[in-house]
C-alpha atoms as a PDB file:
ATOM      1  CA  MET A   1     115.734  81.179  72.314  1.00  0.00           C
ATOM      2  CA  GLU A   2     114.451  78.669  74.921  1.00  0.00           C
ATOM      3  CA  HIS A   3     116.496  76.129  74.194  1.00  0.00           C
ATOM      4  CA  ILE A   4     119.631  78.192  74.848  1.00  0.00           C
ATOM      5  CA  LEU A   5     118.289  79.523  78.224  1.00  0.00           C
ATOM      6  CA  ASN A   6     118.000  76.142  79.448  1.00  0.00           C
ATOM      7  CA  PRO A   7     120.919  74.586  81.015  1.00  0.00           C
ATOM      8  CA  TRP A   8     123.397  72.715  78.665  1.00  0.00           C
ATOM      9  CA  PRO A   9     122.762  68.489  78.987  1.00  0.00           C
ATOM     10  CA  TRP A  10     125.626  66.280  80.040  1.00  0.00           C
ATOM     11  CA  TYR A  11     126.793  65.302  76.376  1.00  0.00           C
ATOM     12  CA  ILE A  12     127.880  68.669  75.535  1.00  0.00           C
ATOM     13  CA  SER A  13     129.202  70.508  79.244  1.00  0.00           C
ATOM     14  CA  GLY A  14     131.166  66.853  79.855  1.00  0.00           C
ATOM     15  CA  PRO A  15     133.044  66.296  76.577  1.00  0.00           C
ATOM     16  CA  LEU A  16     134.258  70.321  77.134  1.00  0.00           C
ATOM     17  CA  ILE A  17     135.191  69.622  80.280  1.00  0.00           C
ATOM     18  CA  ALA A  18     136.648  66.437  79.124  1.00  0.00           C
ATOM     19  CA  ILE A  19     138.986  68.503  76.372  1.00  0.00           C
ATOM     20  CA  VAL A  20     139.820  71.205  79.095  1.00  0.00           C
ATOM     21  CA  MET A  21     141.305  68.317  81.328  1.00  0.00           C
ATOM     22  CA  ALA A  22     142.992  66.502  78.359  1.00  0.00           C
ATOM     23  CA  LEU A  23     144.858  70.047  77.364  1.00  0.00           C
ATOM     24  CA  LEU A  24     145.698  70.261  80.762  1.00  0.00           C
ATOM     25  CA  LEU A  25     147.660  67.216  81.102  1.00  0.00           C
ATOM     26  CA  TYR A  26     149.030  67.196  77.545  1.00  0.00           C
ATOM     27  CA  PHE A  27     150.497  70.953  78.835  1.00  0.00           C
ATOM     28  CA  GLY A  28     151.665  69.063  82.248  1.00  0.00           C
ATOM     29  CA  LYS A  29     149.761  71.874  84.139  1.00  0.00           C
ATOM     30  CA  THR A  30     146.667  70.820  86.862  1.00  0.00           C
ATOM     31  CA  PHE A  31     143.462  72.430  87.734  1.00  0.00           C
ATOM     32  CA  GLY A  32     142.037  73.459  91.154  1.00  0.00           C
ATOM     33  CA  MET A  33     140.311  77.073  92.323  1.00  0.00           C
ATOM     34  CA  SER A  34     142.043  76.384  96.022  1.00  0.00           C
ATOM     35  CA  SER A  35     145.458  77.204  94.389  1.00  0.00           C
ATOM     36  CA  ASN A  36     144.136  79.796  92.670  1.00  0.00           C
ATOM     37  CA  LEU A  37     144.143  81.580  96.459  1.00  0.00           C
ATOM     38  CA  ARG A  38     147.267  80.686  97.849  1.00  0.00           C
ATOM     39  CA  THR A  39     148.796  82.454  94.331  1.00  0.00           C
ATOM     40  CA  MET A  40     146.543  85.426  95.128  1.00  0.00           C
ATOM     41  CA  CYS A  41     148.170  85.217  98.971  1.00  0.00           C
ATOM     42  CA  ALA A  42     151.652  84.826  97.402  1.00  0.00           C
ATOM     43  CA  ILE A  43     151.252  87.915  94.724  1.00  0.00           C
ATOM     44  CA  GLY A  44     149.725  90.030  97.961  1.00  0.00           C
ATOM     45  CA  GLY A  45     153.324  88.999 100.272  1.00  0.00           C
ATOM     46  CA  ALA A  46     152.005  86.526 101.935  1.00  0.00           C
ATOM     47  CA  GLY A  47     155.643  84.521 102.025  1.00  0.00           C
ATOM     48  CA  LYS A  48     156.169  86.736 104.700  1.00  0.00           C
ATOM     49  CA  PHE A  49     154.536  85.381 107.084  1.00  0.00           C
ATOM     50  CA  SER A  50     154.180  81.630 106.474  1.00  0.00           C
ATOM     51  CA  ASP A  51     156.607  79.581 104.088  1.00  0.00           C
ATOM     52  CA  PHE A  52     153.507  78.142 102.708  1.00  0.00           C
ATOM     53  CA  PHE A  53     153.255  81.237 100.410  1.00  0.00           C
ATOM     54  CA  ASN A  54     156.886  80.815  99.421  1.00  0.00           C
ATOM     55  CA  PHE A  55     156.701  80.114  95.835  1.00  0.00           C
ATOM     56  CA  LYS A  56     157.500  80.650  92.440  1.00  0.00           C
ATOM     57  CA  TRP A  57     154.145  82.631  92.182  1.00  0.00           C
ATOM     58  CA  LYS A  58     154.559  83.736  88.590  1.00  0.00           C
ATOM     59  CA  ASP A  59     154.096  80.208  87.478  1.00  0.00           C
ATOM     60  CA  GLN A  60     151.062  79.689  88.257  1.00  0.00           C
ATOM     61  CA  LEU A  61     149.421  82.988  86.952  1.00  0.00           C
ATOM     62  CA  TRP A  62     148.141  80.729  84.092  1.00  0.00           C
ATOM     63  CA  ASN A  63     145.909  79.741  86.379  1.00  0.00           C
ATOM     64  CA  LEU A  64     144.169  82.669  87.171  1.00  0.00           C
ATOM     65  CA  THR A  65     142.339  82.791  84.341  1.00  0.00           C
ATOM     66  CA  VAL A  66     140.451  79.921  85.630  1.00  0.00           C
ATOM     67  CA  VAL A  67     139.046  82.926  87.656  1.00  0.00           C
ATOM     68  CA  LEU A  68     138.563  85.264  85.389  1.00  0.00           C
ATOM     69  CA  GLY A  69     136.869  83.245  83.025  1.00  0.00           C
ATOM     70  CA  ALA A  70     134.678  81.869  86.308  1.00  0.00           C
ATOM     71  CA  ILE A  71     133.335  85.581  87.201  1.00  0.00           C
ATOM     72  CA  ILE A  72     132.942  86.263  83.425  1.00  0.00           C
ATOM     73  CA  GLY A  73     131.715  82.748  82.334  1.00  0.00           C
ATOM     74  CA  GLY A  74     129.183  83.243  85.744  1.00  0.00           C
ATOM     75  CA  TYR A  75     128.273  86.773  84.715  1.00  0.00           C
ATOM     76  CA  ILE A  76     127.074  85.660  80.769  1.00  0.00           C
ATOM     77  CA  ALA A  77     125.303  82.522  82.481  1.00  0.00           C
ATOM     78  CA  VAL A  78     123.252  85.184  84.612  1.00  0.00           C
ATOM     79  CA  THR A  79     122.845  87.549  82.574  1.00  0.00           C
ATOM     80  CA  TYR A  80     122.364  86.167  79.384  1.00  0.00           C
ATOM     81  CA  LEU A  81     121.366  82.118  79.648  1.00  0.00           C
ATOM     82  CA  SER A  82     118.986  82.323  82.782  1.00  0.00           C
ATOM     83  CA  ASN A  83     115.618  81.452  82.080  1.00  0.00           C
ATOM     84  CA  ASP A  84     114.628  82.048  86.168  1.00  0.00           C
ATOM     85  CA  SER A  85     113.887  78.439  86.279  1.00  0.00           C
ATOM     86  CA  GLY A  86     114.046  76.528  89.023  1.00  0.00           C
ATOM     87  CA  THR A  87     115.782  73.120  90.026  1.00  0.00           C
ATOM     88  CA  THR A  88     113.466  69.987  89.848  1.00  0.00           C
ATOM     89  CA  LEU A  89     113.643  68.398  92.925  1.00  0.00           C
ATOM     90  CA  ASN A  90     112.187  65.167  94.440  1.00  0.00           C
ATOM     91  CA  PRO A  91     108.598  65.783  96.464  1.00  0.00           C
ATOM     92  CA  THR A  92     110.050  64.331  99.495  1.00  0.00           C
ATOM     93  CA  THR A  93     113.354  66.334  99.788  1.00  0.00           C
ATOM     94  CA  VAL A  94     110.573  69.536  99.357  1.00  0.00           C
ATOM     95  CA  ALA A  95     108.552  68.180 102.064  1.00  0.00           C
ATOM     96  CA  GLU A  96     111.944  67.369 104.209  1.00  0.00           C
ATOM     97  CA  LEU A  97     113.160  71.318 102.662  1.00  0.00           C
ATOM     98  CA  GLN A  98     109.429  72.287 104.205  1.00  0.00           C
ATOM     99  CA  HIS A  99     109.727  70.977 106.988  1.00  0.00           C
ATOM    100  CA  MET A 100     112.925  72.674 107.820  1.00  0.00           C
ATOM    101  CA  GLY A 101     111.493  75.622 107.545  1.00  0.00           C
ATOM    102  CA  PHE A 102     112.524  76.459 103.700  1.00  0.00           C
ATOM    103  CA  GLU A 103     109.269  77.683 102.146  1.00  0.00           C
ATOM    104  CA  SER A 104     109.359  77.049  98.658  1.00  0.00           C
ATOM    105  CA  PRO A 105     112.436  75.200  98.197  1.00  0.00           C
ATOM    106  CA  GLY A 106     113.184  73.965  94.270  1.00  0.00           C
ATOM    107  CA  THR A 107     112.060  77.435  92.913  1.00  0.00           C
ATOM    108  CA  THR A 108     115.300  79.298  92.981  1.00  0.00           C
ATOM    109  CA  LEU A 109     118.427  77.573  92.452  1.00  0.00           C
ATOM    110  CA  VAL A 110     119.521  78.829  96.205  1.00  0.00           C
ATOM    111  CA  PRO A 111     117.284  79.300  99.129  1.00  0.00           C
ATOM    112  CA  ASN A 112     116.566  82.691 100.022  1.00  0.00           C
ATOM    113  CA  GLU A 113     116.386  81.447 103.832  1.00  0.00           C
ATOM    114  CA  ILE A 114     120.166  81.320 103.054  1.00  0.00           C
ATOM    115  CA  PHE A 115     122.041  83.279 100.805  1.00  0.00           C
ATOM    116  CA  SER A 116     119.908  86.445 100.571  1.00  0.00           C
ATOM    117  CA  LEU A 117     120.896  89.832 101.647  1.00  0.00           C
ATOM    118  CA  GLU A 118     117.836  90.090 104.405  1.00  0.00           C
ATOM    119  CA  ALA A 119     119.500  86.409 105.717  1.00  0.00           C
ATOM    120  CA  LEU A 120     122.946  87.786 106.494  1.00  0.00           C
ATOM    121  CA  ALA A 121     121.414  89.966 109.128  1.00  0.00           C
ATOM    122  CA  THR A 122     121.202  87.639 110.881  1.00  0.00           C
ATOM    123  CA  PRO A 123     123.830  86.778 113.335  1.00  0.00           C
ATOM    124  CA  LYS A 124     122.811  82.746 112.631  1.00  0.00           C
ATOM    125  CA  ASN A 125     123.521  82.834 109.165  1.00  0.00           C
ATOM    126  CA  ILE A 126     126.499  85.033 109.592  1.00  0.00           C
ATOM    127  CA  ILE A 127     127.987  81.968 112.223  1.00  0.00           C
ATOM    128  CA  LEU A 128     126.840  79.269 109.553  1.00  0.00           C
ATOM    129  CA  LEU A 129     128.807  81.029 106.768  1.00  0.00           C
ATOM    130  CA  ILE A 130     131.639  82.113 109.004  1.00  0.00           C
ATOM    131  CA  VAL A 131     132.329  78.744 110.442  1.00  0.00           C
ATOM    132  CA  GLY A 132     131.689  76.880 106.684  1.00  0.00           C
ATOM    133  CA  GLY A 133     133.944  79.055 105.818  1.00  0.00           C
ATOM    134  CA  LEU A 134     136.500  78.146 108.045  1.00  0.00           C
ATOM    135  CA  LEU A 135     136.079  74.571 107.570  1.00  0.00           C
ATOM    136  CA  VAL A 136     135.671  74.633 103.976  1.00  0.00           C
ATOM    137  CA  GLY A 137     139.129  76.393 103.906  1.00  0.00           C
ATOM    138  CA  PHE A 138     140.940  73.766 106.615  1.00  0.00           C
ATOM    139  CA  GLY A 139     139.433  70.998 104.371  1.00  0.00           C
ATOM    140  CA  THR A 140     141.221  72.499 101.426  1.00  0.00           C
ATOM    141  CA  ARG A 141     144.250  72.588 103.249  1.00  0.00           C
ATOM    142  CA  TYR A 142     143.977  69.172 105.200  1.00  0.00           C
ATOM    143  CA  ALA A 143     142.614  67.628 101.808  1.00  0.00           C
ATOM    144  CA  GLY A 144     145.844  69.282  99.303  1.00  0.00           C
ATOM    145  CA  GLY A 145     142.610  70.794  97.139  1.00  0.00           C
ATOM    146  CA  CYS A 146     139.484  71.620  96.974  1.00  0.00           C
ATOM    147  CA  THR A 147     136.777  69.396  95.055  1.00  0.00           C
ATOM    148  CA  SER A 148     137.179  70.781  91.640  1.00  0.00           C
ATOM    149  CA  GLY A 149     141.144  69.904  91.556  1.00  0.00           C
ATOM    150  CA  HIS A 150     140.539  66.002  93.332  1.00  0.00           C
ATOM    151  CA  ALA A 151     137.195  65.656  91.508  1.00  0.00           C
ATOM    152  CA  ILE A 152     138.734  67.000  88.009  1.00  0.00           C
ATOM    153  CA  THR A 153     141.787  67.025  87.553  1.00  0.00           C
ATOM    154  CA  GLY A 154     143.023  64.144  89.952  1.00  0.00           C
ATOM    155  CA  LEU A 155     140.586  61.676  89.350  1.00  0.00           C
ATOM    156  CA  SER A 156     141.260  62.254  85.584  1.00  0.00           C
ATOM    157  CA  SER A 157     144.873  61.624  85.716  1.00  0.00           C
ATOM    158  CA  LEU A 158     144.333  58.714  88.059  1.00  0.00           C
ATOM    159  CA  GLN A 159     145.268  60.214  91.599  1.00  0.00           C
ATOM    160  CA  LYS A 160     144.777  57.813  94.333  1.00  0.00           C
ATOM    161  CA  PRO A 161     144.653  60.828  96.672  1.00  0.00           C
ATOM    162  CA  SER A 162     142.583  62.728  94.761  1.00  0.00           C
ATOM    163  CA  LEU A 163     139.936  59.192  94.857  1.00  0.00           C
ATOM    164  CA  ILE A 164     140.422  59.199  98.451  1.00  0.00           C
ATOM    165  CA  ALA A 165     139.654  63.201  98.909  1.00  0.00           C
ATOM    166  CA  VAL A 166     136.363  62.914  96.362  1.00  0.00           C
ATOM    167  CA  ILE A 167     134.927  59.637  98.376  1.00  0.00           C
ATOM    168  CA  GLY A 168     134.856  61.944 101.616  1.00  0.00           C
ATOM    169  CA  PHE A 169     133.829  64.797  99.754  1.00  0.00           C
ATOM    170  CA  PHE A 170     130.597  62.583  99.369  1.00  0.00           C
ATOM    171  CA  ILE A 171     130.215  61.317 103.193  1.00  0.00           C
ATOM    172  CA  GLY A 172     130.885  64.823 104.201  1.00  0.00           C
ATOM    173  CA  GLY A 173     128.158  66.155 101.810  1.00  0.00           C
ATOM    174  CA  LEU A 174     126.238  62.958 102.983  1.00  0.00           C
ATOM    175  CA  ILE A 175     126.708  63.584 106.457  1.00  0.00           C
ATOM    176  CA  MET A 176     126.154  67.521 106.641  1.00  0.00           C
ATOM    177  CA  ALA A 177     122.611  66.721 104.320  1.00  0.00           C
ATOM    178  CA  ASN A 178     121.394  64.059 106.185  1.00  0.00           C
ATOM    179  CA  LEU A 179     122.469  64.645 109.878  1.00  0.00           C
ATOM    180  CA  ILE A 180     123.828  68.250 110.026  1.00  0.00           C
ATOM    181  CA  LEU A 181     121.435  70.357 108.230  1.00  0.00           C
ATOM    182  CA  PRO A 182     118.008  68.963 109.667  1.00  0.00           C
ATOM    183  CA  LEU A 183     119.655  70.175 113.052  1.00  0.00           C
ATOM    184  CA  LEU A 184     120.559  74.085 111.929  1.00  0.00           C
ATOM    185  CA  PHE A 185     117.322  74.607 110.611  1.00  0.00           C
END
């Protein structure tokens, strides 16, 4: 049972993602989480307020199964497939995070200093989450899709805009982790 509780290795999960992508490409579909938000807003009537949400949302209902699958898969992973192990981090990274004020980096998958219920009670973390959410929303719209859509669907179908977007995501992540995060903590 211990083997099941560890994360799946790349040689299992990678080919599974490739099979799903091949099926989506075969059926002429694209994958991306941000398009689901647009579909849900259109279903809710947002097309009355913005032309961006005026489209044939019924053609995108199949993609909402991705959201349902993410919710069900997340529940199964946390409830039945987790072993409460942390993340193995480089000792230099651990020291840097401890210097920023993170008590025990790597012992949990996400830092409690940001993602616990107690952390939500602080104005600093609320502002960080709101500003971060707005920036992600703006970036997703500006880039024409999210990281999963560009990195998985866009790159697998050899789209140049997706390559540019993914390079931008990585550059943004490096800037955030190395320049901005140390200023915030």
